């Protein structure tokens, strides 16, 4: 019964069905990209959450909270920058099958809750 699946489960299931055969034919570079995506995903989620908190603090003119959040946000951004740059370099000229593997890896990670 399709209606019993939550929306967050469907992308995971679809990604799992698509990802396994695609990864088998993928290049070594895409393997590195997938590992980097898995490595940085928790930090990206934390950065996303902090950005939301910054927007709320900014809207509320809460300078004290902004002063506390900006250093945390800057630290995470500095931590992520090398890996994100590496991912960008590796994904600039992907073949069609590697692009499919990259997109499947992104889907399998899911969104930040």
N, C-alpha and C. Protein backbone atom coordinates (compact mmCIF):
# COMPACT_ATOMS: atom_id res chain seq x y z
N UNK A 1 0.84 -1.17 0.00
CA UNK A 1 0.00 0.00 0.00
C UNK A 1 0.88 1.23 0.00
N UNK A 2 0.83 2.02 -1.03
CA UNK A 2 1.70 3.17 -1.22
C UNK A 2 1.45 4.25 -0.19
N UNK A 3 0.23 4.44 0.22
CA UNK A 3 -0.10 5.52 1.14
C UNK A 3 0.53 5.33 2.52
N UNK A 4 1.00 4.13 2.83
CA UNK A 4 1.59 3.92 4.14
C UNK A 4 3.04 4.40 4.20
N UNK A 5 3.66 4.71 3.06
CA UNK A 5 5.02 5.23 3.05
C UNK A 5 5.00 6.71 3.37
N UNK A 6 5.89 7.12 4.23
CA UNK A 6 6.02 8.55 4.48
C UNK A 6 6.84 9.16 3.36
N UNK A 7 6.68 10.45 3.10
CA UNK A 7 7.43 11.09 2.01
C UNK A 7 8.95 10.98 2.17
N UNK A 8 9.45 10.90 3.39
CA UNK A 8 10.90 10.81 3.59
C UNK A 8 11.44 9.43 3.26
N UNK A 9 10.61 8.41 3.26
CA UNK A 9 11.05 7.05 2.98
C UNK A 9 11.12 6.79 1.48
N UNK A 10 10.24 7.39 0.74
CA UNK A 10 10.17 7.12 -0.70
C UNK A 10 11.47 7.47 -1.41
N UNK A 11 12.08 8.66 -1.22
CA UNK A 11 13.34 8.94 -1.91
C UNK A 11 14.45 7.96 -1.52
N UNK A 12 14.45 7.54 -0.27
CA UNK A 12 15.47 6.59 0.17
C UNK A 12 15.33 5.26 -0.55
N UNK A 13 14.11 4.78 -0.65
CA UNK A 13 13.86 3.50 -1.32
C UNK A 13 14.21 3.60 -2.80
N UNK A 14 13.78 4.69 -3.43
CA UNK A 14 14.10 4.86 -4.85
C UNK A 14 15.60 4.97 -5.07
N UNK A 15 16.27 5.69 -4.22
CA UNK A 15 17.71 5.84 -4.35
C UNK A 15 18.41 4.51 -4.16
N UNK A 16 17.95 3.72 -3.22
CA UNK A 16 18.56 2.42 -2.99
C UNK A 16 18.38 1.51 -4.20
N UNK A 17 17.21 1.55 -4.80
CA UNK A 17 16.96 0.72 -5.98
C UNK A 17 17.82 1.14 -7.16
N UNK A 18 18.02 2.44 -7.30
CA UNK A 18 18.78 2.95 -8.43
C UNK A 18 20.27 2.93 -8.16
N UNK A 19 20.67 3.18 -6.94
CA UNK A 19 22.07 3.42 -6.62
C UNK A 19 22.95 2.18 -6.76
N UNK A 20 22.49 1.04 -6.34
CA UNK A 20 23.38 -0.11 -6.30
C UNK A 20 23.94 -0.49 -7.66
N UNK A 21 23.13 -0.61 -8.72
CA UNK A 21 23.73 -0.94 -10.01
C UNK A 21 24.57 0.20 -10.58
N UNK A 22 24.19 1.43 -10.29
CA UNK A 22 24.94 2.58 -10.81
C UNK A 22 26.31 2.65 -10.17
N UNK A 23 26.41 2.44 -8.85
CA UNK A 23 27.70 2.52 -8.19
C UNK A 23 28.66 1.44 -8.68
N UNK A 24 28.12 0.29 -9.08
CA UNK A 24 28.98 -0.79 -9.55
C UNK A 24 29.74 -0.39 -10.81
N UNK A 25 29.13 0.43 -11.67
CA UNK A 25 29.77 0.82 -12.91
C UNK A 25 30.46 2.18 -12.81
N UNK A 26 30.43 2.80 -11.67
CA UNK A 26 30.95 4.15 -11.51
C UNK A 26 32.47 4.17 -11.44
N UNK A 27 33.02 5.33 -11.73
CA UNK A 27 34.47 5.51 -11.71
C UNK A 27 34.99 5.64 -10.27
N UNK A 28 36.30 5.51 -10.09
CA UNK A 28 36.87 5.69 -8.74
C UNK A 28 36.62 7.09 -8.18
N UNK A 29 36.56 8.08 -9.07
CA UNK A 29 36.33 9.45 -8.62
C UNK A 29 34.97 9.59 -7.96
N UNK A 30 33.97 8.93 -8.53
CA UNK A 30 32.63 9.04 -7.95
C UNK A 30 32.59 8.33 -6.60
N UNK A 31 33.38 7.30 -6.44
CA UNK A 31 33.48 6.64 -5.14
C UNK A 31 34.01 7.61 -4.09
N UNK A 32 35.00 8.41 -4.47
CA UNK A 32 35.54 9.42 -3.55
C UNK A 32 34.49 10.47 -3.23
N UNK A 33 33.74 10.89 -4.26
CA UNK A 33 32.70 11.89 -4.05
C UNK A 33 31.64 11.37 -3.07
N UNK A 34 31.23 10.12 -3.25
CA UNK A 34 30.21 9.53 -2.39
C UNK A 34 30.71 9.49 -0.94
N UNK A 35 31.94 9.10 -0.75
CA UNK A 35 32.49 9.07 0.61
C UNK A 35 32.56 10.46 1.21
N UNK A 36 32.94 11.45 0.41
CA UNK A 36 32.97 12.83 0.90
C UNK A 36 31.57 13.32 1.26
N UNK A 37 30.59 12.98 0.42
CA UNK A 37 29.21 13.38 0.71
C UNK A 37 28.74 12.80 2.04
N UNK A 38 29.05 11.53 2.25
CA UNK A 38 28.65 10.89 3.51
C UNK A 38 29.36 11.52 4.70
N UNK A 39 30.62 11.86 4.50
CA UNK A 39 31.42 12.45 5.58
C UNK A 39 30.88 13.82 5.99
N UNK A 40 30.53 14.66 5.03
CA UNK A 40 30.17 16.04 5.34
C UNK A 40 28.68 16.25 5.59
N UNK A 41 27.86 15.26 5.32
CA UNK A 41 26.41 15.45 5.46
C UNK A 41 25.99 15.93 6.85
N UNK A 42 26.47 15.34 7.93
CA UNK A 42 26.05 15.84 9.26
C UNK A 42 26.45 17.31 9.49
N UNK A 43 27.62 17.69 9.03
CA UNK A 43 28.05 19.08 9.19
C UNK A 43 27.23 20.02 8.31
N UNK A 44 26.87 19.56 7.11
CA UNK A 44 26.01 20.37 6.26
C UNK A 44 24.65 20.58 6.91
N UNK A 45 24.13 19.56 7.54
CA UNK A 45 22.84 19.69 8.24
C UNK A 45 22.95 20.65 9.40
N UNK A 46 24.05 20.58 10.12
CA UNK A 46 24.25 21.50 11.24
C UNK A 46 24.36 22.93 10.73
N UNK A 47 25.08 23.12 9.62
CA UNK A 47 25.20 24.46 9.04
C UNK A 47 23.83 24.98 8.59
N UNK A 48 23.04 24.11 7.99
CA UNK A 48 21.70 24.49 7.56
C UNK A 48 20.85 24.93 8.76
N UNK A 49 20.93 24.18 9.84
CA UNK A 49 20.18 24.53 11.06
C UNK A 49 20.66 25.87 11.62
N UNK A 50 21.97 26.07 11.66
CA UNK A 50 22.50 27.33 12.18
C UNK A 50 22.08 28.52 11.32
N UNK A 51 22.07 28.33 10.00
CA UNK A 51 21.64 29.41 9.11
C UNK A 51 20.19 29.80 9.41
N UNK A 52 19.36 28.81 9.68
CA UNK A 52 17.98 29.10 10.05
C UNK A 52 17.90 29.89 11.34
N UNK A 53 18.72 29.51 12.31
CA UNK A 53 18.75 30.23 13.59
C UNK A 53 19.25 31.66 13.39
N UNK A 54 20.22 31.84 12.50
CA UNK A 54 20.73 33.18 12.21
C UNK A 54 19.63 34.03 11.61
N UNK A 55 18.87 33.47 10.69
CA UNK A 55 17.78 34.23 10.07
C UNK A 55 16.74 34.66 11.11
N UNK A 56 16.40 33.76 12.02
CA UNK A 56 15.43 34.08 13.06
C UNK A 56 15.99 35.16 13.98
N UNK A 57 17.24 35.02 14.40
CA UNK A 57 17.86 36.02 15.28
C UNK A 57 17.95 37.38 14.58
N UNK A 58 18.26 37.34 13.29
CA UNK A 58 18.34 38.59 12.54
C UNK A 58 16.97 39.27 12.45
N UNK A 59 15.95 38.47 12.18
CA UNK A 59 14.59 39.01 12.09
C UNK A 59 14.14 39.61 13.42
N UNK A 60 14.58 38.98 14.51
CA UNK A 60 14.20 39.46 15.84
C UNK A 60 15.17 40.51 16.40
N UNK A 61 16.16 40.89 15.60
CA UNK A 61 17.15 41.89 16.01
C UNK A 61 17.86 41.48 17.30
N UNK A 62 18.16 40.20 17.41
CA UNK A 62 18.80 39.65 18.60
C UNK A 62 20.31 39.59 18.37
N UNK A 63 20.98 40.69 18.62
CA UNK A 63 22.41 40.79 18.36
C UNK A 63 23.23 39.84 19.22
N UNK A 64 22.80 39.64 20.45
CA UNK A 64 23.51 38.72 21.34
C UNK A 64 23.51 37.31 20.75
N UNK A 65 22.38 36.87 20.27
CA UNK A 65 22.28 35.53 19.67
C UNK A 65 23.08 35.46 18.37
N UNK A 66 23.03 36.51 17.56
CA UNK A 66 23.82 36.55 16.33
C UNK A 66 25.31 36.45 16.62
N UNK A 67 25.74 37.17 17.65
CA UNK A 67 27.15 37.12 18.03
C UNK A 67 27.58 35.73 18.47
N UNK A 68 26.66 34.96 19.02
CA UNK A 68 26.96 33.59 19.43
C UNK A 68 26.93 32.63 18.24
N UNK A 69 26.01 32.87 17.29
CA UNK A 69 25.84 31.95 16.17
C UNK A 69 26.89 32.10 15.07
N UNK A 70 27.30 33.33 14.79
CA UNK A 70 28.22 33.54 13.68
C UNK A 70 29.54 32.79 13.81
N UNK A 71 30.17 32.75 14.99
CA UNK A 71 31.41 31.97 15.09
C UNK A 71 31.19 30.48 14.84
N UNK A 72 30.07 29.94 15.31
CA UNK A 72 29.76 28.53 15.06
C UNK A 72 29.58 28.28 13.57
N UNK A 73 28.84 29.16 12.92
CA UNK A 73 28.58 29.02 11.49
C UNK A 73 29.88 29.15 10.70
N UNK A 74 30.71 30.10 11.06
CA UNK A 74 32.00 30.28 10.38
C UNK A 74 32.90 29.06 10.55
N UNK A 75 32.90 28.48 11.74
CA UNK A 75 33.75 27.30 11.99
C UNK A 75 33.31 26.11 11.13
N UNK A 76 32.01 25.89 11.04
CA UNK A 76 31.51 24.78 10.22
C UNK A 76 31.80 25.03 8.75
N UNK A 77 31.62 26.26 8.32
CA UNK A 77 31.89 26.59 6.91
C UNK A 77 33.36 26.37 6.57
N UNK A 78 34.25 26.79 7.46
CA UNK A 78 35.69 26.56 7.23
C UNK A 78 36.02 25.07 7.20
N UNK A 79 35.38 24.31 8.06
CA UNK A 79 35.60 22.87 8.12
C UNK A 79 35.14 22.19 6.82
N UNK A 80 34.01 22.63 6.28
CA UNK A 80 33.43 22.01 5.09
C UNK A 80 34.10 22.45 3.79
N UNK A 81 34.69 23.61 3.77
CA UNK A 81 35.20 24.20 2.53
C UNK A 81 36.14 23.27 1.74
N UNK A 82 37.15 22.65 2.33
CA UNK A 82 38.03 21.80 1.54
C UNK A 82 37.32 20.62 0.89
N UNK A 83 36.44 19.97 1.64
CA UNK A 83 35.71 18.82 1.09
C UNK A 83 34.71 19.26 0.02
N UNK A 84 34.04 20.37 0.23
CA UNK A 84 33.11 20.87 -0.78
C UNK A 84 33.84 21.28 -2.05
N UNK A 85 35.01 21.88 -1.90
CA UNK A 85 35.82 22.22 -3.08
C UNK A 85 36.28 20.97 -3.82
N UNK A 86 36.65 19.94 -3.08
CA UNK A 86 37.07 18.68 -3.70
C UNK A 86 35.91 18.03 -4.46
N UNK A 87 34.73 18.03 -3.85
CA UNK A 87 33.55 17.49 -4.52
C UNK A 87 33.26 18.27 -5.80
N UNK A 88 33.35 19.58 -5.72
CA UNK A 88 33.10 20.41 -6.90
C UNK A 88 34.09 20.08 -8.02
N UNK A 89 35.36 19.94 -7.66
CA UNK A 89 36.38 19.62 -8.66
C UNK A 89 36.13 18.25 -9.29
N UNK A 90 35.75 17.29 -8.48
CA UNK A 90 35.52 15.94 -8.99
C UNK A 90 34.25 15.83 -9.84
N UNK A 91 33.28 16.68 -9.60
CA UNK A 91 32.00 16.56 -10.30
C UNK A 91 31.86 17.49 -11.50
N UNK A 92 32.89 18.27 -11.79
CA UNK A 92 32.78 19.22 -12.90
C UNK A 92 32.58 18.55 -14.26
N UNK A 93 33.23 17.43 -14.51
CA UNK A 93 33.15 16.77 -15.81
C UNK A 93 32.74 15.32 -15.68
N UNK A 94 31.61 15.08 -15.06
CA UNK A 94 31.16 13.72 -14.85
C UNK A 94 30.53 13.14 -16.12
N UNK A 95 30.75 11.86 -16.32
CA UNK A 95 30.04 11.15 -17.39
C UNK A 95 28.58 10.99 -16.97
N UNK A 96 27.75 10.55 -17.88
CA UNK A 96 26.33 10.39 -17.57
C UNK A 96 26.11 9.37 -16.46
N UNK A 97 26.84 8.25 -16.50
CA UNK A 97 26.65 7.23 -15.45
C UNK A 97 27.18 7.73 -14.11
N UNK A 98 28.28 8.48 -14.13
CA UNK A 98 28.80 9.05 -12.88
C UNK A 98 27.84 10.11 -12.34
N UNK A 99 27.22 10.89 -13.21
CA UNK A 99 26.26 11.89 -12.77
C UNK A 99 25.06 11.20 -12.11
N UNK A 100 24.62 10.09 -12.68
CA UNK A 100 23.53 9.32 -12.08
C UNK A 100 23.93 8.81 -10.69
N UNK A 101 25.16 8.32 -10.57
CA UNK A 101 25.64 7.82 -9.28
C UNK A 101 25.73 8.95 -8.26
N UNK A 102 26.20 10.10 -8.70
CA UNK A 102 26.30 11.27 -7.82
C UNK A 102 24.92 11.68 -7.32
N UNK A 103 23.95 11.77 -8.22
CA UNK A 103 22.60 12.16 -7.83
C UNK A 103 21.96 11.11 -6.93
N UNK A 104 22.23 9.84 -7.19
CA UNK A 104 21.69 8.78 -6.34
C UNK A 104 22.28 8.87 -4.94
N UNK A 105 23.56 9.18 -4.85
CA UNK A 105 24.21 9.32 -3.54
C UNK A 105 23.59 10.48 -2.77
N UNK A 106 23.34 11.58 -3.46
CA UNK A 106 22.71 12.72 -2.80
C UNK A 106 21.31 12.36 -2.29
N UNK A 107 20.56 11.63 -3.11
CA UNK A 107 19.22 11.22 -2.69
C UNK A 107 19.27 10.26 -1.50
N UNK A 108 20.24 9.36 -1.52
CA UNK A 108 20.31 8.36 -0.45
C UNK A 108 20.64 8.98 0.90
N UNK A 109 21.32 10.13 0.89
CA UNK A 109 21.61 10.82 2.15
C UNK A 109 20.36 11.44 2.74
N UNK A 110 19.44 11.80 1.90
CA UNK A 110 18.21 12.41 2.38
C UNK A 110 18.40 13.86 2.76
N UNK A 111 17.34 14.43 3.26
CA UNK A 111 17.39 15.83 3.65
C UNK A 111 17.72 15.93 5.14
N UNK A 112 18.04 17.10 5.55
CA UNK A 112 18.31 17.36 6.96
C UNK A 112 16.97 17.52 7.67
N UNK A 113 16.85 16.87 8.82
CA UNK A 113 15.59 16.96 9.56
C UNK A 113 15.61 18.07 10.56
